Amino acid sequence: MAASRSSPQPTDIVLHRQSKVLEIAFDDGLRARLPCEYLRVYSPSAEVRGHGPGQEVLQAGKREVNIDAIEPVGTYAVKLVFTDGHDTGLYSWEYLHELARDQDKLWTRYLERLEAAGASRDPAGGVKVHKLKRMDPPRFAKPPTDE
C-alpha cells in the first residue's frame, strides 16, 4: 500500500548502532530518536500484532536488541532486520511517524503491560541465573537396584 500524499515523508534516517537508536526526521518537522527495542516491541508484523484485535503478543526480553539492516520497500516503507532475527515487519512512513509522534505514550503503555504480565525487558525474562557448584554424584552404601 503506497503512502498517501498527505502522509509525512522521512527526510533523514540514521541508525546509531552503538546507542541502538534509529534517528528519523520527517518533512513536517517531527524529529525522533527511536530506540531499537521500542521499534522491535512495536513491530507491525503479525508475529507481534497478531491477526486481529486482542491477538497482540507481548514482546519481553528485547532490551539489548539492535538493528542489523534497514531495507527500503518501494517508496513507502522500510523493513528493519533486528539482531534477534525478527525481520517480518514493514514500517511504513505513516507508521514510523505515528511511533515517533506517540513515543512517550506507547512506551509507557508497553512498560505497564510488561509489569502486569510479570515480564522483563531483559533477555532471558529477567531471570537471575546462578552458577551451581559442581557436586559429586551421591554415594550409596550399596549400589541402587531396580527392585
N, C-alpha and C. Protein backbone atom coordinates (compact mmCIF):
# COMPACT_ATOMS: atom_id res chain seq x y z
N MET A 1 0.85 -1.17 0.00
CA MET A 1 0.00 0.00 0.00
C MET A 1 0.90 1.23 0.00
N ALA A 2 0.71 2.11 -0.92
CA ALA A 2 1.53 3.32 -1.03
C ALA A 2 1.06 4.35 -0.03
N ALA A 3 1.99 5.15 0.46
CA ALA A 3 1.64 6.21 1.40
C ALA A 3 0.84 7.28 0.66
N SER A 4 -0.13 7.84 1.35
CA SER A 4 -0.91 8.91 0.71
C SER A 4 -0.05 10.16 0.64
N ARG A 5 -0.42 11.07 -0.26
CA ARG A 5 0.36 12.29 -0.43
C ARG A 5 0.36 13.14 0.84
N SER A 6 -0.67 12.99 1.66
CA SER A 6 -0.74 13.81 2.88
C SER A 6 0.09 13.22 4.02
N SER A 7 0.57 11.98 3.87
CA SER A 7 1.39 11.36 4.91
C SER A 7 2.76 12.01 4.96
N PRO A 8 3.25 12.29 6.16
CA PRO A 8 4.61 12.83 6.28
C PRO A 8 5.63 11.86 5.70
N GLN A 9 6.62 12.41 5.05
CA GLN A 9 7.68 11.61 4.44
C GLN A 9 8.99 11.83 5.21
N PRO A 10 9.80 10.78 5.37
CA PRO A 10 11.08 10.97 6.05
C PRO A 10 12.05 11.77 5.18
N THR A 11 12.82 12.61 5.83
CA THR A 11 13.85 13.36 5.13
C THR A 11 15.23 12.85 5.49
N ASP A 12 15.32 12.11 6.60
CA ASP A 12 16.61 11.60 7.06
C ASP A 12 16.36 10.42 7.99
N ILE A 13 17.10 9.34 7.78
CA ILE A 13 17.05 8.18 8.67
C ILE A 13 18.49 7.78 8.94
N VAL A 14 18.87 7.75 10.23
CA VAL A 14 20.23 7.40 10.61
C VAL A 14 20.18 6.37 11.73
N LEU A 15 20.87 5.25 11.53
CA LEU A 15 20.96 4.23 12.56
C LEU A 15 22.23 4.46 13.37
N HIS A 16 22.08 4.62 14.66
CA HIS A 16 23.21 4.75 15.59
C HIS A 16 23.36 3.39 16.28
N ARG A 17 24.21 2.53 15.71
CA ARG A 17 24.33 1.16 16.21
C ARG A 17 24.81 1.09 17.66
N GLN A 18 25.78 1.92 18.01
CA GLN A 18 26.34 1.83 19.36
C GLN A 18 25.30 2.16 20.42
N SER A 19 24.50 3.19 20.19
CA SER A 19 23.48 3.57 21.17
C SER A 19 22.14 2.87 20.90
N LYS A 20 22.07 2.06 19.84
CA LYS A 20 20.87 1.29 19.50
C LYS A 20 19.66 2.20 19.32
N VAL A 21 19.84 3.23 18.49
CA VAL A 21 18.79 4.22 18.25
C VAL A 21 18.68 4.48 16.75
N LEU A 22 17.44 4.57 16.28
CA LEU A 22 17.17 4.98 14.92
C LEU A 22 16.68 6.42 14.97
N GLU A 23 17.45 7.31 14.36
CA GLU A 23 17.07 8.72 14.33
C GLU A 23 16.35 8.98 13.02
N ILE A 24 15.20 9.63 13.10
CA ILE A 24 14.41 9.87 11.91
C ILE A 24 13.83 11.28 11.93
N ALA A 25 13.86 11.93 10.78
CA ALA A 25 13.29 13.27 10.61
C ALA A 25 12.26 13.21 9.50
N PHE A 26 11.18 13.97 9.67
CA PHE A 26 10.10 14.00 8.69
C PHE A 26 9.95 15.40 8.11
N ASP A 27 9.31 15.45 6.94
CA ASP A 27 9.15 16.73 6.25
C ASP A 27 8.17 17.68 6.93
N ASP A 28 7.46 17.21 7.96
CA ASP A 28 6.57 18.10 8.71
C ASP A 28 7.27 18.69 9.94
N GLY A 29 8.59 18.41 10.07
CA GLY A 29 9.37 18.97 11.17
C GLY A 29 9.56 18.03 12.35
N LEU A 30 8.83 16.93 12.40
CA LEU A 30 8.98 15.98 13.51
C LEU A 30 10.32 15.27 13.39
N ARG A 31 11.05 15.24 14.49
CA ARG A 31 12.32 14.51 14.60
C ARG A 31 12.21 13.62 15.81
N ALA A 32 12.75 12.41 15.70
CA ALA A 32 12.69 11.49 16.84
C ALA A 32 13.91 10.59 16.87
N ARG A 33 14.22 10.14 18.08
CA ARG A 33 15.25 9.14 18.31
C ARG A 33 14.54 7.93 18.89
N LEU A 34 14.37 6.91 18.06
CA LEU A 34 13.58 5.75 18.43
C LEU A 34 14.51 4.59 18.80
N PRO A 35 14.49 4.16 20.06
CA PRO A 35 15.32 3.02 20.45
C PRO A 35 14.95 1.77 19.66
N CYS A 36 15.94 0.97 19.33
CA CYS A 36 15.69 -0.26 18.59
C CYS A 36 14.73 -1.17 19.35
N GLU A 37 14.86 -1.21 20.65
CA GLU A 37 13.95 -2.02 21.48
C GLU A 37 12.50 -1.57 21.26
N TYR A 38 12.27 -0.28 21.26
CA TYR A 38 10.93 0.29 21.05
C TYR A 38 10.39 -0.12 19.68
N LEU A 39 11.22 0.00 18.65
CA LEU A 39 10.80 -0.38 17.30
C LEU A 39 10.50 -1.87 17.23
N ARG A 40 11.28 -2.67 17.92
CA ARG A 40 11.08 -4.14 17.91
C ARG A 40 9.79 -4.52 18.60
N VAL A 41 9.51 -3.94 19.77
CA VAL A 41 8.31 -4.36 20.51
C VAL A 41 7.04 -3.82 19.88
N TYR A 42 7.16 -2.80 19.04
CA TYR A 42 6.01 -2.27 18.31
C TYR A 42 6.09 -2.61 16.82
N SER A 43 6.73 -3.72 16.50
CA SER A 43 6.81 -4.16 15.10
C SER A 43 5.40 -4.31 14.54
N PRO A 44 5.21 -3.89 13.29
CA PRO A 44 3.90 -4.03 12.67
C PRO A 44 3.63 -5.45 12.15
N SER A 45 4.49 -6.39 12.45
CA SER A 45 4.34 -7.75 11.94
C SER A 45 3.18 -8.49 12.62
N ALA A 46 2.67 -9.50 11.94
CA ALA A 46 1.61 -10.34 12.52
C ALA A 46 2.14 -11.09 13.74
N GLU A 47 3.43 -11.39 13.76
CA GLU A 47 4.03 -12.09 14.90
C GLU A 47 3.85 -11.28 16.19
N VAL A 48 3.88 -9.95 16.07
CA VAL A 48 3.75 -9.07 17.23
C VAL A 48 2.32 -8.58 17.40
N ARG A 49 1.71 -8.14 16.32
CA ARG A 49 0.37 -7.55 16.38
C ARG A 49 -0.76 -8.57 16.32
N GLY A 50 -0.45 -9.79 15.90
CA GLY A 50 -1.49 -10.79 15.72
C GLY A 50 -2.23 -10.53 14.42
N HIS A 51 -3.30 -11.29 14.24
CA HIS A 51 -4.08 -11.16 13.01
C HIS A 51 -5.38 -10.41 13.23
N GLY A 52 -5.54 -9.83 14.41
CA GLY A 52 -6.74 -9.06 14.70
C GLY A 52 -6.68 -8.48 16.09
N PRO A 53 -7.65 -7.63 16.43
CA PRO A 53 -7.67 -7.01 17.76
C PRO A 53 -7.65 -8.06 18.88
N GLY A 54 -6.86 -7.77 19.89
CA GLY A 54 -6.76 -8.67 21.04
C GLY A 54 -5.79 -9.82 20.85
N GLN A 55 -5.14 -9.91 19.70
CA GLN A 55 -4.21 -11.00 19.45
C GLN A 55 -2.75 -10.56 19.55
N GLU A 56 -2.51 -9.36 20.07
CA GLU A 56 -1.16 -8.85 20.21
C GLU A 56 -0.35 -9.77 21.11
N VAL A 57 0.94 -9.92 20.80
CA VAL A 57 1.83 -10.75 21.59
C VAL A 57 2.85 -9.84 22.27
N LEU A 58 2.84 -9.83 23.60
CA LEU A 58 3.77 -9.00 24.36
C LEU A 58 5.20 -9.46 24.10
N GLN A 59 6.06 -8.53 23.74
CA GLN A 59 7.46 -8.82 23.44
C GLN A 59 8.31 -8.49 24.66
N ALA A 60 8.81 -9.50 25.32
CA ALA A 60 9.65 -9.31 26.51
C ALA A 60 11.10 -9.65 26.16
N GLY A 61 12.01 -9.18 26.98
CA GLY A 61 13.42 -9.53 26.82
C GLY A 61 14.11 -8.90 25.63
N LYS A 62 13.66 -7.72 25.20
CA LYS A 62 14.21 -7.10 24.00
C LYS A 62 15.13 -5.90 24.27
N ARG A 63 15.52 -5.70 25.51
CA ARG A 63 16.34 -4.54 25.87
C ARG A 63 17.61 -4.42 25.04
N GLU A 64 18.26 -5.52 24.73
CA GLU A 64 19.56 -5.49 24.04
C GLU A 64 19.46 -5.59 22.52
N VAL A 65 18.25 -5.66 21.98
CA VAL A 65 18.10 -5.84 20.54
C VAL A 65 18.61 -4.61 19.78
N ASN A 66 19.17 -4.87 18.61
CA ASN A 66 19.68 -3.81 17.76
C ASN A 66 19.15 -4.05 16.35
N ILE A 67 19.46 -3.17 15.44
CA ILE A 67 19.07 -3.34 14.05
C ILE A 67 20.30 -3.71 13.24
N ASP A 68 20.19 -4.81 12.49
CA ASP A 68 21.27 -5.27 11.63
C ASP A 68 21.23 -4.60 10.27
N ALA A 69 20.01 -4.36 9.76
CA ALA A 69 19.88 -3.81 8.41
C ALA A 69 18.56 -3.05 8.27
N ILE A 70 18.59 -2.06 7.39
CA ILE A 70 17.40 -1.30 7.01
C ILE A 70 17.26 -1.45 5.50
N GLU A 71 16.16 -2.08 5.09
CA GLU A 71 15.96 -2.36 3.67
C GLU A 71 14.77 -1.55 3.15
N PRO A 72 14.96 -0.73 2.11
CA PRO A 72 13.84 0.03 1.56
C PRO A 72 12.81 -0.90 0.92
N VAL A 73 11.55 -0.53 1.05
CA VAL A 73 10.45 -1.27 0.42
C VAL A 73 9.68 -0.24 -0.41
N GLY A 74 9.91 -0.26 -1.69
CA GLY A 74 9.28 0.73 -2.57
C GLY A 74 9.62 2.14 -2.11
N THR A 75 8.63 3.01 -2.19
CA THR A 75 8.82 4.40 -1.75
C THR A 75 7.97 4.72 -0.53
N TYR A 76 7.51 3.67 0.16
CA TYR A 76 6.56 3.89 1.24
C TYR A 76 6.94 3.28 2.59
N ALA A 77 8.02 2.49 2.65
CA ALA A 77 8.33 1.78 3.90
C ALA A 77 9.77 1.31 3.93
N VAL A 78 10.15 0.79 5.10
CA VAL A 78 11.42 0.08 5.26
C VAL A 78 11.15 -1.21 6.02
N LYS A 79 11.98 -2.19 5.76
CA LYS A 79 11.97 -3.43 6.54
C LYS A 79 13.18 -3.34 7.46
N LEU A 80 12.94 -3.49 8.74
CA LEU A 80 14.03 -3.48 9.72
C LEU A 80 14.38 -4.92 10.07
N VAL A 81 15.66 -5.23 9.99
CA VAL A 81 16.14 -6.56 10.34
C VAL A 81 16.83 -6.42 11.70
N PHE A 82 16.28 -7.12 12.69
CA PHE A 82 16.77 -6.99 14.06
C PHE A 82 17.77 -8.10 14.40
N THR A 83 18.60 -7.84 15.40
CA THR A 83 19.64 -8.79 15.79
C THR A 83 19.08 -10.06 16.41
N ASP A 84 17.80 -10.06 16.81
CA ASP A 84 17.20 -11.29 17.34
C ASP A 84 16.58 -12.13 16.23
N GLY A 85 16.81 -11.73 14.96
CA GLY A 85 16.33 -12.49 13.83
C GLY A 85 14.98 -12.02 13.30
N HIS A 86 14.29 -11.16 14.00
CA HIS A 86 12.98 -10.68 13.55
C HIS A 86 13.16 -9.77 12.34
N ASP A 87 12.40 -10.06 11.27
CA ASP A 87 12.55 -9.25 10.05
C ASP A 87 11.26 -9.23 9.22
N THR A 88 10.11 -9.45 9.85
CA THR A 88 8.89 -9.58 9.06
C THR A 88 7.98 -8.35 9.09
N GLY A 89 8.35 -7.31 9.78
CA GLY A 89 7.50 -6.12 9.82
C GLY A 89 7.91 -5.09 8.79
N LEU A 90 6.94 -4.53 8.08
CA LEU A 90 7.20 -3.42 7.16
C LEU A 90 6.75 -2.13 7.85
N TYR A 91 7.70 -1.24 8.07
CA TYR A 91 7.45 0.02 8.76
C TYR A 91 7.16 1.10 7.73
N SER A 92 5.88 1.37 7.50
CA SER A 92 5.51 2.43 6.55
C SER A 92 5.93 3.77 7.13
N TRP A 93 6.05 4.77 6.26
CA TRP A 93 6.39 6.12 6.74
C TRP A 93 5.32 6.59 7.72
N GLU A 94 4.07 6.29 7.41
CA GLU A 94 2.97 6.70 8.28
C GLU A 94 3.09 6.05 9.67
N TYR A 95 3.44 4.76 9.70
CA TYR A 95 3.57 4.07 10.98
C TYR A 95 4.78 4.58 11.75
N LEU A 96 5.91 4.80 11.08
CA LEU A 96 7.08 5.37 11.77
C LEU A 96 6.77 6.75 12.33
N HIS A 97 6.01 7.54 11.60
CA HIS A 97 5.61 8.87 12.08
C HIS A 97 4.75 8.74 13.33
N GLU A 98 3.83 7.78 13.32
CA GLU A 98 2.97 7.53 14.49
C GLU A 98 3.83 7.10 15.69
N LEU A 99 4.78 6.19 15.46
CA LEU A 99 5.66 5.74 16.55
C LEU A 99 6.47 6.91 17.12
N ALA A 100 6.92 7.81 16.24
CA ALA A 100 7.69 8.97 16.68
C ALA A 100 6.79 9.95 17.45
N ARG A 101 5.64 10.24 16.90
CA ARG A 101 4.71 11.21 17.50
C ARG A 101 4.21 10.74 18.87
N ASP A 102 3.93 9.44 18.99
CA ASP A 102 3.32 8.90 20.21
C ASP A 102 4.30 8.12 21.07
N GLN A 103 5.59 8.37 20.91
CA GLN A 103 6.61 7.57 21.58
C GLN A 103 6.42 7.49 23.10
N ASP A 104 6.23 8.61 23.76
CA ASP A 104 6.11 8.60 25.23
C ASP A 104 4.91 7.77 25.68
N LYS A 105 3.77 7.97 25.06
CA LYS A 105 2.55 7.26 25.43
C LYS A 105 2.68 5.76 25.16
N LEU A 106 3.21 5.41 23.99
CA LEU A 106 3.34 4.00 23.64
C LEU A 106 4.37 3.29 24.51
N TRP A 107 5.47 3.97 24.82
CA TRP A 107 6.50 3.35 25.67
C TRP A 107 5.94 3.10 27.07
N THR A 108 5.21 4.06 27.61
CA THR A 108 4.60 3.90 28.93
C THR A 108 3.63 2.72 28.91
N ARG A 109 2.82 2.63 27.87
CA ARG A 109 1.86 1.52 27.74
C ARG A 109 2.60 0.18 27.71
N TYR A 110 3.71 0.12 26.98
CA TYR A 110 4.49 -1.11 26.90
C TYR A 110 5.03 -1.51 28.29
N LEU A 111 5.59 -0.55 29.00
CA LEU A 111 6.14 -0.84 30.33
C LEU A 111 5.04 -1.31 31.28
N GLU A 112 3.87 -0.73 31.18
CA GLU A 112 2.73 -1.14 32.03
C GLU A 112 2.30 -2.57 31.70
N ARG A 113 2.27 -2.90 30.42
CA ARG A 113 1.91 -4.27 30.02
C ARG A 113 2.94 -5.29 30.50
N LEU A 114 4.22 -4.93 30.41
CA LEU A 114 5.28 -5.82 30.91
C LEU A 114 5.09 -6.08 32.40
N GLU A 115 4.88 -4.99 33.15
CA GLU A 115 4.72 -5.12 34.60
C GLU A 115 3.50 -5.98 34.95
N ALA A 116 2.40 -5.74 34.27
CA ALA A 116 1.18 -6.51 34.54
C ALA A 116 1.38 -7.99 34.25
N ALA A 117 2.23 -8.31 33.29
CA ALA A 117 2.49 -9.70 32.92
C ALA A 117 3.61 -10.32 33.76
N GLY A 118 4.25 -9.51 34.60
CA GLY A 118 5.38 -10.01 35.38
C GLY A 118 6.57 -10.33 34.51
N ALA A 119 6.65 -9.64 33.38
CA ALA A 119 7.74 -9.88 32.41
C ALA A 119 8.80 -8.79 32.54
N SER A 120 9.88 -8.94 31.79
CA SER A 120 11.01 -8.03 31.89
C SER A 120 11.51 -7.61 30.51
N ARG A 121 12.14 -6.47 30.46
CA ARG A 121 12.80 -6.01 29.24
C ARG A 121 14.10 -6.77 29.01
N ASP A 122 14.64 -7.35 30.07
CA ASP A 122 15.93 -8.02 29.98
C ASP A 122 15.81 -9.37 29.28
N PRO A 123 16.84 -9.75 28.51
CA PRO A 123 16.84 -11.07 27.90
C PRO A 123 16.71 -12.16 28.96
N ALA A 124 16.23 -13.32 28.57
CA ALA A 124 16.00 -14.45 29.48
C ALA A 124 14.93 -14.11 30.50
N GLY A 125 14.05 -13.17 30.16
CA GLY A 125 12.92 -12.87 31.03
C GLY A 125 13.31 -12.25 32.35
N GLY A 126 14.52 -11.77 32.45
CA GLY A 126 14.94 -11.13 33.69
C GLY A 126 15.19 -12.12 34.81
N VAL A 127 15.26 -13.40 34.47
CA VAL A 127 15.52 -14.41 35.49
C VAL A 127 16.98 -14.38 35.84
N LYS A 128 17.28 -14.28 37.11
CA LYS A 128 18.66 -14.27 37.54
C LYS A 128 19.18 -15.70 37.54
N VAL A 129 20.24 -15.92 36.81
CA VAL A 129 20.81 -17.26 36.70
C VAL A 129 22.00 -17.36 37.64
N HIS A 130 21.98 -18.38 38.48
CA HIS A 130 23.07 -18.61 39.43
C HIS A 130 23.89 -19.78 38.93
N LYS A 131 25.18 -19.64 39.04
CA LYS A 131 26.07 -20.74 38.68
C LYS A 131 26.06 -21.74 39.82
N LEU A 132 25.80 -22.97 39.50
CA LEU A 132 25.78 -24.00 40.53
C LEU A 132 27.19 -24.54 40.74
N LYS A 133 27.47 -24.89 41.97
CA LYS A 133 28.75 -25.51 42.27
C LYS A 133 28.70 -26.95 41.79
N ARG A 134 29.83 -27.40 41.30
CA ARG A 134 29.91 -28.80 40.88
C ARG A 134 29.79 -29.68 42.10
N MET A 135 28.94 -30.65 41.97
CA MET A 135 28.74 -31.57 43.09
C MET A 135 29.12 -32.97 42.64
N ASP A 136 29.70 -33.70 43.56
CA ASP A 136 29.99 -35.09 43.27
C ASP A 136 28.68 -35.86 43.26
N PRO A 137 28.60 -36.92 42.47
CA PRO A 137 27.37 -37.72 42.49
C PRO A 137 27.16 -38.32 43.87
N PRO A 138 25.92 -38.58 44.22
CA PRO A 138 25.67 -39.15 45.55
C PRO A 138 26.34 -40.52 45.68
N ARG A 139 26.75 -40.81 46.91
CA ARG A 139 27.38 -42.10 47.18
C ARG A 139 26.39 -42.94 47.97
N PHE A 140 26.29 -44.15 47.57
CA PHE A 140 25.37 -45.07 48.23
C PHE A 140 26.16 -46.10 48.98
N ALA A 141 25.60 -46.55 50.12
CA ALA A 141 26.24 -47.61 50.87
C ALA A 141 26.31 -48.87 50.00
N LYS A 142 25.24 -49.14 49.33
CA LYS A 142 25.25 -50.22 48.36
C LYS A 142 24.61 -49.69 47.09
N PRO A 143 25.02 -50.15 45.93
CA PRO A 143 24.50 -49.63 44.68
C PRO A 143 22.99 -49.75 44.63
N PRO A 144 22.32 -48.76 44.03
CA PRO A 144 20.86 -48.87 43.91
C PRO A 144 20.48 -50.01 42.97
N THR A 145 19.34 -50.56 43.22
CA THR A 145 18.85 -51.65 42.37
C THR A 145 17.50 -51.26 41.82
N ASP A 146 17.04 -52.02 40.87
CA ASP A 146 15.74 -51.77 40.27
C ASP A 146 14.61 -52.38 41.09
N GLU A 147 14.92 -53.06 42.15
CA GLU A 147 13.90 -53.75 42.95
C GLU A 147 13.22 -52.83 43.90
